[in-house]
Amino acid sequence: MVEINGITFAYNKGAGNILEDISFSIQENQCIAILGNNGAGKSTLLKCMDRICPAQKGMVMVAGRDIYKMGKNMMAQNIAYVPQNNETINMSVFDAILLGRKPYIKWDAAAKDQQIVWEIMQKMQLEDFALRNVWELSGGELQKVMLARALAQEPKLLLLDEPTSNLDPRNQHEVLRRVKEIAQEHNICVAIVIHDLSLAIRYCERFIFLKDANVFAFGGLEVMTPENIEAVYKIHVHIIDYMGIPVVVPFPDEKVALEPVID
């Protein structure tokens, strides 16, 4: 279980807080969508949870341990973070994913490490790329490799910042489906910053809306309402059910309600 308690963060002293007293929890096997408009602090929240941006106040607890008191190696065994933009590296795809095993390797990669990498590559449908150089990949292919590397860490908490941004529709669904399956198989807590509300509502169990540096709403499907979405994104939407699948349909020309309702 992951607990975020009272996280407050500002980039500069004297400037307004980007995040103010943010608290929520993530259960094992659970995917949570972090939602909000541009500049709401979604990516910053992930960086606070990975200690890239140490919070001025608050704690992040992973399996009962405070991440701000962990050593680097212990951090890498507990938390894996995939940013929006990834730099290409001059090595094979297999070796790039094998880097995810670094927190567990003392001298050289063992057969177990290589087996874990190969199994993840198969699940992510990357086995045909094993010997290709990373710098030869497209943006979407690189995104999948970096996600596979994070999964190779076998973290307790997986942080994904817009993991579908460079992917075509088929791969968007494939990646999120695989992430959800792996999270359930290995008891991983997953936090995903995502802009596509239809993908969020389909693949995540919990949702946190950020607005004006605060938590605007947090919960399950009961908080994924047109009223909450309208209040946060300033756009009118309808949520429809098509063949048992919820879909968020924007209606940008319709008037936004004056008094949104928070469930």
Foldseek 3Di string as FASTA:
>chain_A
DKWWFQFWADPDPPDDILAGGETDGFFFLFEEEEDFDPSSCQVVVVCCLLVVGPTPDTFMAFPRDTPVPDDPLVSLLAEFEDAPDDDFDFAALLVLLLVLCVSVDDDDDDPVLSVLLVVLCVLLVNPVRRGPGRVPDDPLVNLSSSVSSSVSSLHQEYEYEASCPRPDPVSLVSVLVSVSVSSNVSRHTYYYHHHAVLSNLQRGAKYFYGDPNYTPAIDGPVQVAQLNCCVRVVWGWDWDADPNRTHIGTDRPDHRDPDGDGD
